N, C-alpha and C. Protein backbone atom coordinates (compact mmCIF):
# COMPACT_ATOMS: atom_id res chain seq x y z
N MET A 1 0.83 -1.19 -0.10
CA MET A 1 -0.02 -0.09 0.08
C MET A 1 0.92 1.15 0.08
N ALA A 2 0.67 2.02 -0.85
CA ALA A 2 1.56 3.32 -1.08
C ALA A 2 0.84 4.38 -0.16
N HIS A 3 1.83 5.13 0.37
CA HIS A 3 1.49 6.32 1.23
C HIS A 3 1.78 7.47 0.42
N SER A 4 0.82 8.56 0.63
CA SER A 4 1.29 9.83 0.15
C SER A 4 2.03 10.60 1.10
N GLN A 5 3.00 11.18 0.62
CA GLN A 5 3.97 11.77 1.62
C GLN A 5 3.52 12.88 2.41
N ASP A 6 2.33 13.42 2.10
CA ASP A 6 1.83 14.52 2.97
C ASP A 6 0.91 14.09 4.09
N THR A 7 0.17 12.94 4.03
CA THR A 7 -0.62 12.53 5.13
C THR A 7 -0.34 11.28 5.85
N HIS A 8 0.23 10.31 5.23
CA HIS A 8 0.50 9.13 6.17
C HIS A 8 1.90 8.55 5.87
N SER A 9 2.93 9.35 5.76
CA SER A 9 4.17 8.86 5.63
C SER A 9 4.82 8.48 6.96
N PRO A 10 5.62 7.58 6.96
CA PRO A 10 6.41 7.21 8.06
C PRO A 10 7.01 8.38 8.76
N GLU A 11 7.62 9.29 7.93
CA GLU A 11 8.29 10.35 8.38
C GLU A 11 7.36 11.34 9.06
N ALA A 12 6.14 11.43 8.56
CA ALA A 12 5.19 12.46 9.21
C ALA A 12 4.31 11.79 10.53
N ASP A 13 4.50 10.50 10.64
CA ASP A 13 3.69 9.76 11.69
C ASP A 13 4.46 8.70 12.20
N PRO A 14 4.94 8.96 13.63
CA PRO A 14 5.78 7.98 14.27
C PRO A 14 5.08 6.70 14.26
N ALA A 15 3.79 6.64 14.54
CA ALA A 15 3.01 5.22 14.71
C ALA A 15 3.22 4.47 13.35
N CYS A 16 3.03 5.33 12.20
CA CYS A 16 3.14 4.64 10.99
C CYS A 16 4.50 4.06 10.73
N ALA A 17 5.54 4.76 11.19
CA ALA A 17 6.91 4.31 11.08
C ALA A 17 7.09 3.06 11.75
N VAL A 18 6.41 2.95 12.97
CA VAL A 18 6.60 1.68 13.77
C VAL A 18 5.85 0.63 13.13
N ALA A 19 4.71 0.85 12.54
CA ALA A 19 3.85 -0.21 11.90
C ALA A 19 4.57 -0.70 10.55
N HIS A 20 5.42 0.18 9.95
CA HIS A 20 6.16 -0.37 8.83
C HIS A 20 7.53 -0.91 9.10
N GLY A 21 7.86 -1.04 10.52
CA GLY A 21 9.07 -1.50 10.83
C GLY A 21 10.29 -0.62 10.79
N GLU A 22 10.05 0.52 10.70
CA GLU A 22 11.04 1.58 10.29
C GLU A 22 11.52 2.17 11.59
N ALA A 23 10.86 1.84 12.64
CA ALA A 23 11.18 2.65 14.03
C ALA A 23 10.75 1.48 15.12
N ALA A 24 11.42 1.61 16.19
CA ALA A 24 11.20 0.72 17.35
C ALA A 24 9.83 1.31 18.12
N ALA A 25 9.06 0.31 18.54
CA ALA A 25 8.06 0.71 19.43
C ALA A 25 8.39 1.36 20.65
N PRO A 26 7.74 2.43 21.11
CA PRO A 26 8.13 3.04 22.33
C PRO A 26 8.21 2.07 23.55
N ALA A 27 9.12 2.13 24.35
CA ALA A 27 9.17 1.46 25.58
C ALA A 27 8.03 1.70 26.44
N THR A 28 7.44 0.69 27.23
CA THR A 28 6.42 0.87 28.05
C THR A 28 6.84 0.38 29.49
N ASP A 29 6.12 0.74 30.45
CA ASP A 29 6.28 0.33 31.70
C ASP A 29 4.95 -0.34 32.34
N ARG A 30 4.31 -0.98 31.43
CA ARG A 30 3.07 -1.68 31.70
C ARG A 30 3.11 -3.10 32.33
N THR A 31 2.27 -3.36 33.30
CA THR A 31 2.33 -4.68 33.82
C THR A 31 0.95 -5.28 33.71
N LEU A 32 0.78 -6.62 33.25
CA LEU A 32 -0.55 -7.31 33.18
C LEU A 32 -0.52 -8.37 34.17
N VAL A 33 -1.39 -8.52 35.25
CA VAL A 33 -1.38 -9.63 36.12
C VAL A 33 -2.63 -10.45 35.61
N ALA A 34 -2.52 -11.62 35.32
CA ALA A 34 -3.57 -12.53 34.92
C ALA A 34 -3.72 -13.31 36.33
N VAL A 35 -4.94 -13.24 36.81
CA VAL A 35 -5.15 -14.06 38.00
C VAL A 35 -5.89 -15.41 37.64
N PHE A 36 -5.32 -16.48 38.21
CA PHE A 36 -5.69 -17.90 38.12
C PHE A 36 -5.17 -18.47 36.87
N ALA A 37 -4.45 -19.55 37.05
CA ALA A 37 -3.89 -20.28 35.83
C ALA A 37 -5.18 -20.76 34.99
N SER A 38 -5.31 -20.52 33.79
CA SER A 38 -6.33 -20.86 33.03
C SER A 38 -5.92 -20.76 31.37
N PRO A 39 -6.63 -21.39 30.56
CA PRO A 39 -6.30 -21.09 29.10
C PRO A 39 -6.38 -19.69 28.78
N VAL A 40 -7.29 -18.89 29.19
CA VAL A 40 -7.37 -17.60 28.84
C VAL A 40 -6.24 -16.73 29.44
N ALA A 41 -5.84 -17.07 30.75
CA ALA A 41 -4.58 -16.47 31.19
C ALA A 41 -3.41 -16.61 30.36
N GLY A 42 -3.01 -17.91 29.88
CA GLY A 42 -2.04 -18.21 29.21
C GLY A 42 -1.92 -17.34 27.79
N HIS A 43 -3.08 -17.20 27.20
CA HIS A 43 -3.10 -16.43 26.00
C HIS A 43 -2.86 -14.90 26.32
N LEU A 44 -3.56 -14.52 27.30
CA LEU A 44 -3.44 -13.09 27.69
C LEU A 44 -1.96 -12.64 27.94
N LEU A 45 -1.36 -13.48 28.66
CA LEU A 45 0.10 -13.29 28.95
C LEU A 45 1.06 -13.36 27.66
N ARG A 46 0.80 -14.34 26.89
CA ARG A 46 1.62 -14.45 25.70
C ARG A 46 1.30 -13.28 24.80
N TYR A 47 0.15 -12.99 24.55
CA TYR A 47 -0.21 -11.76 23.65
C TYR A 47 0.42 -10.44 24.22
N ALA A 48 0.25 -10.34 25.71
CA ALA A 48 0.64 -9.06 26.22
C ALA A 48 2.08 -8.84 26.16
N ALA A 49 2.82 -9.89 26.13
CA ALA A 49 4.33 -9.67 25.98
C ALA A 49 4.65 -8.98 24.74
N ASP A 50 3.81 -9.36 23.72
CA ASP A 50 4.05 -8.75 22.27
C ASP A 50 3.68 -7.30 22.33
N LEU A 51 2.85 -6.82 23.28
CA LEU A 51 2.39 -5.53 23.37
C LEU A 51 3.25 -4.65 24.39
N GLY A 52 4.29 -5.33 24.82
CA GLY A 52 5.18 -4.59 25.71
C GLY A 52 4.83 -4.69 27.27
N PHE A 53 3.94 -5.54 27.61
CA PHE A 53 3.51 -5.62 29.09
C PHE A 53 4.50 -6.69 29.83
N ARG A 54 4.83 -6.49 30.84
CA ARG A 54 5.51 -7.27 31.91
C ARG A 54 4.40 -8.17 32.32
N GLY A 55 4.44 -9.56 31.96
CA GLY A 55 3.34 -10.55 32.33
C GLY A 55 3.70 -11.17 33.71
N ILE A 56 2.61 -11.19 34.52
CA ILE A 56 2.66 -12.01 35.80
C ILE A 56 1.39 -12.80 35.87
N LEU A 57 1.60 -14.11 36.09
CA LEU A 57 0.51 -14.92 36.50
C LEU A 57 0.38 -15.06 38.14
N LEU A 58 -0.78 -14.64 38.54
CA LEU A 58 -1.09 -14.81 39.98
C LEU A 58 -2.06 -15.98 40.17
N GLU A 59 -1.32 -17.10 40.67
CA GLU A 59 -2.17 -18.30 41.01
C GLU A 59 -1.87 -18.64 42.45
N PRO A 60 -2.81 -18.41 43.24
CA PRO A 60 -2.59 -18.58 44.70
C PRO A 60 -2.62 -20.03 45.10
N ASP A 61 -2.97 -20.92 44.26
CA ASP A 61 -2.80 -22.36 44.61
C ASP A 61 -1.37 -22.86 44.34
N ALA A 62 -0.61 -23.13 45.09
CA ALA A 62 0.90 -23.50 44.99
C ALA A 62 0.93 -24.61 44.10
N GLY A 63 0.12 -25.63 44.15
CA GLY A 63 0.18 -26.77 43.21
C GLY A 63 -0.10 -26.41 41.92
N ARG A 64 -1.10 -25.59 41.54
CA ARG A 64 -1.29 -25.05 40.25
C ARG A 64 -0.24 -24.21 39.80
N ALA A 65 0.28 -23.39 40.49
CA ALA A 65 1.44 -22.57 40.29
C ALA A 65 2.52 -23.16 39.70
N ALA A 66 2.93 -24.37 40.44
CA ALA A 66 3.99 -25.18 40.09
C ALA A 66 3.70 -25.88 38.76
N ALA A 67 2.57 -26.28 38.51
CA ALA A 67 2.12 -26.94 37.31
C ALA A 67 2.39 -26.18 36.07
N VAL A 68 2.29 -24.74 36.17
CA VAL A 68 2.54 -23.89 34.99
C VAL A 68 3.89 -24.13 34.46
N GLY A 69 4.82 -24.34 35.32
CA GLY A 69 6.15 -24.61 34.80
C GLY A 69 6.88 -23.32 34.11
N THR A 70 7.83 -23.56 33.19
CA THR A 70 8.42 -22.64 32.43
C THR A 70 7.44 -21.99 31.42
N SER A 71 7.14 -20.65 31.66
CA SER A 71 6.06 -20.26 30.85
C SER A 71 6.42 -19.02 30.13
N GLY A 72 7.64 -18.46 30.44
CA GLY A 72 8.07 -17.17 29.67
C GLY A 72 7.51 -15.89 30.52
N PHE A 73 6.72 -16.16 31.58
CA PHE A 73 6.26 -14.94 32.48
C PHE A 73 6.42 -15.35 33.96
N GLU A 74 6.50 -14.43 34.78
CA GLU A 74 6.47 -14.60 36.09
C GLU A 74 5.30 -15.26 36.66
N VAL A 75 5.52 -16.22 37.61
CA VAL A 75 4.46 -16.88 38.18
C VAL A 75 4.48 -16.72 39.80
N VAL A 76 3.53 -16.08 40.43
CA VAL A 76 3.68 -15.76 41.82
C VAL A 76 2.32 -16.44 42.46
N THR A 77 2.35 -16.53 43.80
CA THR A 77 1.26 -17.18 44.60
C THR A 77 0.53 -16.11 45.39
N GLY A 78 0.95 -14.84 45.41
CA GLY A 78 0.37 -13.68 46.07
C GLY A 78 0.65 -12.54 45.29
N PRO A 79 -0.17 -11.43 45.46
CA PRO A 79 0.05 -10.13 44.69
C PRO A 79 1.42 -9.58 45.03
N PRO A 80 2.16 -9.33 43.87
CA PRO A 80 3.50 -8.67 44.02
C PRO A 80 3.41 -7.43 44.72
N GLY A 81 4.33 -7.11 45.48
CA GLY A 81 4.45 -5.76 46.13
C GLY A 81 4.70 -4.54 45.36
N ASP A 82 5.27 -4.81 44.18
CA ASP A 82 5.47 -3.61 43.36
C ASP A 82 4.34 -3.13 42.48
N LEU A 83 3.22 -3.63 42.59
CA LEU A 83 2.08 -3.16 41.64
C LEU A 83 1.76 -1.76 41.93
N ASP A 84 1.64 -1.04 40.89
CA ASP A 84 1.37 0.35 40.96
C ASP A 84 0.30 0.81 39.93
N ARG A 85 0.41 2.08 39.47
CA ARG A 85 -0.50 2.55 38.56
C ARG A 85 -0.26 2.19 37.18
N THR A 86 0.80 1.28 37.03
CA THR A 86 0.99 0.73 35.56
C THR A 86 0.42 -0.59 35.45
N ALA A 87 -0.17 -1.06 36.47
CA ALA A 87 -0.62 -2.47 36.51
C ALA A 87 -2.05 -2.64 36.08
N ASP A 88 -2.27 -3.52 35.17
CA ASP A 88 -3.66 -3.86 34.84
C ASP A 88 -3.90 -5.30 35.28
N VAL A 89 -5.00 -5.69 35.87
CA VAL A 89 -5.36 -6.98 36.40
C VAL A 89 -6.53 -7.55 35.86
N VAL A 90 -6.43 -8.83 35.35
CA VAL A 90 -7.52 -9.60 34.78
C VAL A 90 -7.78 -10.75 35.64
N VAL A 91 -8.88 -10.89 36.25
CA VAL A 91 -9.25 -12.28 36.91
C VAL A 91 -9.92 -13.18 35.91
N THR A 92 -9.23 -14.25 35.51
CA THR A 92 -9.62 -15.09 34.43
C THR A 92 -10.54 -16.14 34.74
N ASP A 93 -10.99 -16.48 35.98
CA ASP A 93 -11.82 -17.46 36.43
C ASP A 93 -12.70 -16.91 37.61
N HIS A 94 -13.91 -16.67 37.28
CA HIS A 94 -14.96 -15.99 38.36
C HIS A 94 -15.54 -17.13 39.16
N HIS A 95 -15.15 -18.34 38.96
CA HIS A 95 -15.78 -19.38 39.75
C HIS A 95 -14.91 -19.87 40.98
N ARG A 96 -13.57 -19.43 41.03
CA ARG A 96 -12.74 -19.91 42.01
C ARG A 96 -13.10 -19.42 43.45
N PRO A 97 -13.14 -20.21 44.43
CA PRO A 97 -13.54 -19.74 45.74
C PRO A 97 -12.63 -18.57 46.29
N GLU A 98 -11.48 -18.55 45.96
CA GLU A 98 -10.55 -17.60 46.49
C GLU A 98 -10.67 -16.21 45.81
N ARG A 99 -11.61 -16.07 44.95
CA ARG A 99 -11.63 -14.93 44.09
C ARG A 99 -11.81 -13.57 44.94
N GLY A 100 -12.69 -13.73 46.02
CA GLY A 100 -12.92 -12.48 46.83
C GLY A 100 -11.57 -12.15 47.54
N THR A 101 -10.99 -13.10 48.02
CA THR A 101 -9.66 -12.65 48.82
C THR A 101 -8.74 -12.17 48.06
N VAL A 102 -8.46 -12.75 46.82
CA VAL A 102 -7.51 -12.24 45.89
C VAL A 102 -7.79 -10.91 45.51
N LEU A 103 -9.05 -10.53 44.94
CA LEU A 103 -9.52 -9.32 44.55
C LEU A 103 -9.43 -8.26 45.72
N SER A 104 -9.75 -8.65 46.94
CA SER A 104 -9.52 -7.67 47.99
C SER A 104 -8.10 -7.35 48.21
N ASP A 105 -7.21 -8.33 48.16
CA ASP A 105 -5.83 -8.03 48.18
C ASP A 105 -5.42 -7.05 47.07
N LEU A 106 -5.77 -7.22 45.94
CA LEU A 106 -5.46 -6.48 44.83
C LEU A 106 -6.02 -5.01 44.84
N LEU A 107 -7.41 -4.90 45.28
CA LEU A 107 -7.83 -3.68 45.50
C LEU A 107 -7.08 -2.90 46.51
N ALA A 108 -6.46 -3.43 47.50
CA ALA A 108 -5.57 -2.59 48.36
C ALA A 108 -4.26 -2.11 47.91
N ARG A 109 -3.91 -2.52 46.53
CA ARG A 109 -2.75 -1.96 45.84
C ARG A 109 -3.19 -0.79 44.96
N GLU A 110 -2.25 -0.17 44.33
CA GLU A 110 -2.52 1.00 43.54
C GLU A 110 -2.60 0.62 42.10
N CYS A 111 -3.32 -0.56 41.80
CA CYS A 111 -3.52 -1.01 40.38
C CYS A 111 -4.23 0.10 39.53
N ARG A 112 -3.92 0.21 38.30
CA ARG A 112 -4.60 1.16 37.36
C ARG A 112 -6.09 0.60 37.04
N TRP A 113 -6.12 -0.66 36.86
CA TRP A 113 -7.41 -1.30 36.39
C TRP A 113 -7.60 -2.79 36.87
N ILE A 114 -8.71 -3.06 37.30
CA ILE A 114 -8.94 -4.45 37.72
C ILE A 114 -10.29 -4.83 37.10
N GLY A 115 -10.25 -6.06 36.52
CA GLY A 115 -11.47 -6.55 35.88
C GLY A 115 -11.60 -8.06 36.10
N VAL A 116 -12.82 -8.63 35.98
CA VAL A 116 -12.99 -9.93 36.18
C VAL A 116 -13.88 -10.37 34.88
N LEU A 117 -13.41 -11.58 34.26
CA LEU A 117 -14.13 -12.12 33.12
C LEU A 117 -15.32 -12.59 33.56
N GLY A 118 -16.35 -12.68 32.64
CA GLY A 118 -17.65 -13.21 32.92
C GLY A 118 -18.68 -12.78 31.98
N ASN A 119 -19.75 -13.56 32.07
CA ASN A 119 -20.89 -13.12 31.14
C ASN A 119 -21.68 -12.01 31.81
N PRO A 120 -21.90 -10.95 31.20
CA PRO A 120 -22.53 -9.71 31.48
C PRO A 120 -24.08 -9.86 31.87
N ARG A 121 -24.63 -10.93 31.43
CA ARG A 121 -26.01 -11.32 31.66
C ARG A 121 -26.31 -11.95 32.95
N HIS A 122 -25.19 -12.22 33.74
CA HIS A 122 -25.30 -12.85 34.99
C HIS A 122 -24.57 -11.95 36.12
N PRO A 123 -25.08 -11.90 37.32
CA PRO A 123 -24.46 -11.16 38.25
C PRO A 123 -23.09 -11.69 38.56
N GLY A 124 -22.27 -10.72 38.80
CA GLY A 124 -20.76 -11.09 39.24
C GLY A 124 -20.53 -11.71 40.53
N PRO A 125 -20.27 -12.96 40.53
CA PRO A 125 -20.09 -13.52 41.95
C PRO A 125 -18.95 -12.81 42.86
N HIS A 126 -18.17 -12.03 42.20
CA HIS A 126 -17.23 -11.31 42.92
C HIS A 126 -17.73 -10.36 43.79
N VAL A 127 -19.03 -9.79 43.53
CA VAL A 127 -19.57 -8.68 44.25
C VAL A 127 -19.92 -9.15 45.64
N ALA A 128 -20.67 -10.29 45.68
CA ALA A 128 -21.03 -10.87 47.01
C ALA A 128 -19.84 -11.42 47.76
N ALA A 129 -18.90 -11.88 47.12
CA ALA A 129 -17.57 -12.39 47.82
C ALA A 129 -16.98 -11.20 48.41
N LEU A 130 -16.82 -10.07 47.80
CA LEU A 130 -16.15 -8.96 48.27
C LEU A 130 -16.91 -8.42 49.42
N ALA A 131 -18.19 -8.14 49.26
CA ALA A 131 -19.22 -7.67 50.19
C ALA A 131 -19.06 -8.55 51.45
N GLY A 132 -18.95 -9.75 51.46
CA GLY A 132 -18.83 -10.73 52.52
C GLY A 132 -17.54 -10.53 53.20
N LEU A 133 -16.45 -10.04 52.51
CA LEU A 133 -15.21 -9.62 53.20
C LEU A 133 -15.12 -8.41 53.95
N GLY A 134 -16.27 -7.68 53.66
CA GLY A 134 -16.39 -6.30 54.28
C GLY A 134 -15.67 -5.10 53.36
N VAL A 135 -15.41 -5.50 52.07
CA VAL A 135 -14.77 -4.48 51.11
C VAL A 135 -15.88 -3.43 50.86
N PRO A 136 -15.60 -2.10 51.08
CA PRO A 136 -16.47 -1.04 50.81
C PRO A 136 -17.02 -1.08 49.38
N ASP A 137 -18.21 -0.67 49.36
CA ASP A 137 -18.97 -0.48 47.90
C ASP A 137 -18.07 0.16 46.97
N GLU A 138 -17.45 1.35 47.35
CA GLU A 138 -16.73 2.15 46.43
C GLU A 138 -15.42 1.36 45.73
N ASP A 139 -14.95 0.39 46.69
CA ASP A 139 -13.86 -0.45 46.21
C ASP A 139 -14.33 -1.47 45.26
N ILE A 140 -15.47 -2.10 45.69
CA ILE A 140 -16.16 -3.10 44.74
C ILE A 140 -16.46 -2.53 43.43
N ALA A 141 -16.87 -1.33 43.33
CA ALA A 141 -17.21 -0.61 42.04
C ALA A 141 -15.92 -0.42 41.16
N ARG A 142 -14.82 -0.48 41.69
CA ARG A 142 -13.59 -0.28 40.97
C ARG A 142 -13.33 -1.64 40.05
N VAL A 143 -13.99 -2.55 40.37
CA VAL A 143 -13.79 -3.88 39.66
C VAL A 143 -14.79 -3.84 38.36
N HIS A 144 -14.09 -3.95 37.17
CA HIS A 144 -14.78 -3.78 35.78
C HIS A 144 -15.27 -5.30 35.58
N ARG A 145 -16.43 -5.30 34.97
CA ARG A 145 -17.08 -6.41 34.48
C ARG A 145 -18.24 -6.09 33.63
N PRO A 146 -18.41 -6.46 32.29
CA PRO A 146 -17.38 -7.31 31.58
C PRO A 146 -16.14 -6.54 31.30
N VAL A 147 -15.26 -7.37 30.70
CA VAL A 147 -13.92 -6.58 30.37
C VAL A 147 -13.76 -6.94 28.75
N GLY A 148 -13.04 -6.12 28.09
CA GLY A 148 -12.72 -6.22 26.79
C GLY A 148 -13.72 -5.53 25.93
N LEU A 149 -13.50 -5.79 24.51
CA LEU A 149 -14.40 -5.34 23.60
C LEU A 149 -15.33 -6.49 23.24
N ASN A 150 -16.64 -6.03 22.92
CA ASN A 150 -17.64 -7.00 22.55
C ASN A 150 -17.45 -7.33 21.21
N ILE A 151 -16.81 -8.45 20.79
CA ILE A 151 -16.47 -8.92 19.46
C ILE A 151 -17.18 -10.34 19.42
N GLY A 152 -17.76 -10.71 20.22
CA GLY A 152 -18.49 -12.17 20.23
C GLY A 152 -17.49 -13.14 20.54
N SER A 153 -16.45 -12.86 21.26
CA SER A 153 -15.41 -13.89 21.46
C SER A 153 -15.96 -15.06 22.24
N ARG A 154 -15.38 -16.31 21.96
CA ARG A 154 -15.90 -17.59 22.65
C ARG A 154 -14.76 -18.35 23.03
N THR A 155 -13.59 -18.39 22.27
CA THR A 155 -12.55 -19.26 22.67
C THR A 155 -11.50 -18.52 23.42
N PRO A 156 -10.59 -19.19 24.12
CA PRO A 156 -9.57 -18.47 25.03
C PRO A 156 -8.72 -17.52 24.29
N PRO A 157 -8.33 -17.84 23.03
CA PRO A 157 -7.40 -16.81 22.28
C PRO A 157 -8.30 -15.48 21.99
N GLU A 158 -9.54 -15.74 21.50
CA GLU A 158 -10.44 -14.76 21.22
C GLU A 158 -10.82 -13.91 22.39
N ILE A 159 -11.01 -14.41 23.46
CA ILE A 159 -11.23 -13.67 24.74
C ILE A 159 -10.05 -12.75 25.19
N ALA A 160 -8.88 -13.46 25.03
CA ALA A 160 -7.68 -12.73 25.40
C ALA A 160 -7.47 -11.61 24.42
N ILE A 161 -7.78 -11.65 23.09
CA ILE A 161 -7.58 -10.55 22.18
C ILE A 161 -8.58 -9.42 22.47
N ALA A 162 -9.90 -9.76 22.74
CA ALA A 162 -10.89 -8.79 23.17
C ALA A 162 -10.55 -8.18 24.36
N THR A 163 -9.97 -8.76 25.43
CA THR A 163 -9.68 -8.16 26.58
C THR A 163 -8.41 -7.22 26.51
N LEU A 164 -7.37 -7.60 25.89
CA LEU A 164 -6.31 -6.78 25.60
C LEU A 164 -6.64 -5.63 24.79
N ALA A 165 -7.57 -5.81 23.78
CA ALA A 165 -7.98 -4.55 22.91
C ALA A 165 -8.61 -3.59 23.93
N GLY A 166 -9.47 -4.05 24.68
CA GLY A 166 -10.46 -3.19 25.66
C GLY A 166 -9.38 -2.54 26.66
N LEU A 167 -8.36 -3.22 27.12
CA LEU A 167 -7.34 -2.65 27.97
C LEU A 167 -6.56 -1.58 27.29
N LEU A 168 -6.22 -1.75 26.01
CA LEU A 168 -5.33 -0.68 25.33
C LEU A 168 -6.26 0.38 25.04
N ALA A 169 -7.59 0.22 24.52
CA ALA A 169 -8.43 1.34 24.35
C ALA A 169 -8.62 2.19 25.66
N ASP A 170 -8.84 1.52 26.77
CA ASP A 170 -8.99 2.21 27.94
C ASP A 170 -7.79 2.95 28.33
N ARG A 171 -6.62 2.34 28.30
CA ARG A 171 -5.40 3.01 28.61
C ARG A 171 -5.10 4.17 27.91
N ASN A 172 -5.47 4.19 26.40
CA ASN A 172 -5.19 5.19 25.48
C ASN A 172 -6.24 6.24 25.44
N GLY A 173 -7.43 5.93 26.34
CA GLY A 173 -8.36 7.09 26.35
C GLY A 173 -9.27 6.86 25.19
N ARG A 174 -9.55 5.74 24.46
CA ARG A 174 -10.26 5.50 23.50
C ARG A 174 -11.53 4.75 23.84
N PRO A 175 -12.66 4.91 22.81
CA PRO A 175 -13.86 4.07 23.21
C PRO A 175 -13.73 2.60 22.85
N GLY A 176 -12.87 2.15 22.06
CA GLY A 176 -12.82 0.89 21.40
C GLY A 176 -13.94 0.81 20.42
N GLY A 177 -13.94 -0.38 19.77
CA GLY A 177 -15.05 -0.51 18.61
C GLY A 177 -14.51 0.19 17.49
N PHE A 178 -15.64 0.63 16.65
CA PHE A 178 -15.38 1.22 15.36
C PHE A 178 -15.64 2.70 15.36
N THR A 179 -15.81 3.28 16.49
CA THR A 179 -16.24 4.74 16.61
C THR A 179 -14.90 5.47 16.64
N PHE A 180 -14.57 6.44 15.75
CA PHE A 180 -13.37 7.17 15.75
C PHE A 180 -13.67 8.67 15.97
């Protein structure tokens, strides 16, 4: 595809230069924490690495964490102490009984964004779990659900792509979708 020199040239648009491989993508200081070992978490962390995220799998069950093995991303059993406003968190299994405790611990950190995967047509079970732990309503409201762009995703790779696209749109102050 040819570019006219006046509107879409790599020289005039740094993003265009990156897309054409003529410049390196800017360095980022982003962290993505995928909570609970799951197929979606694996895809999220693999794709997030290509987007410049530091990937962390938070799996509180030590046996499940050990089973992940060499994965190309950090695996921890508790929230890392260095999470800050650069960290996005996605809880990938809303059925796990420890979801409330893990979310409560994460809400106590300075994470930029926290979300829980799940069908928006059903109430989020994390709400009752957090309320039962005494988490204030304003903190519970910080948990996003659903997450990602509504692209009709069904498989773990599709869910991961929709989730990451939604995170990027939010991080970049964009609505996502096809509205420009």
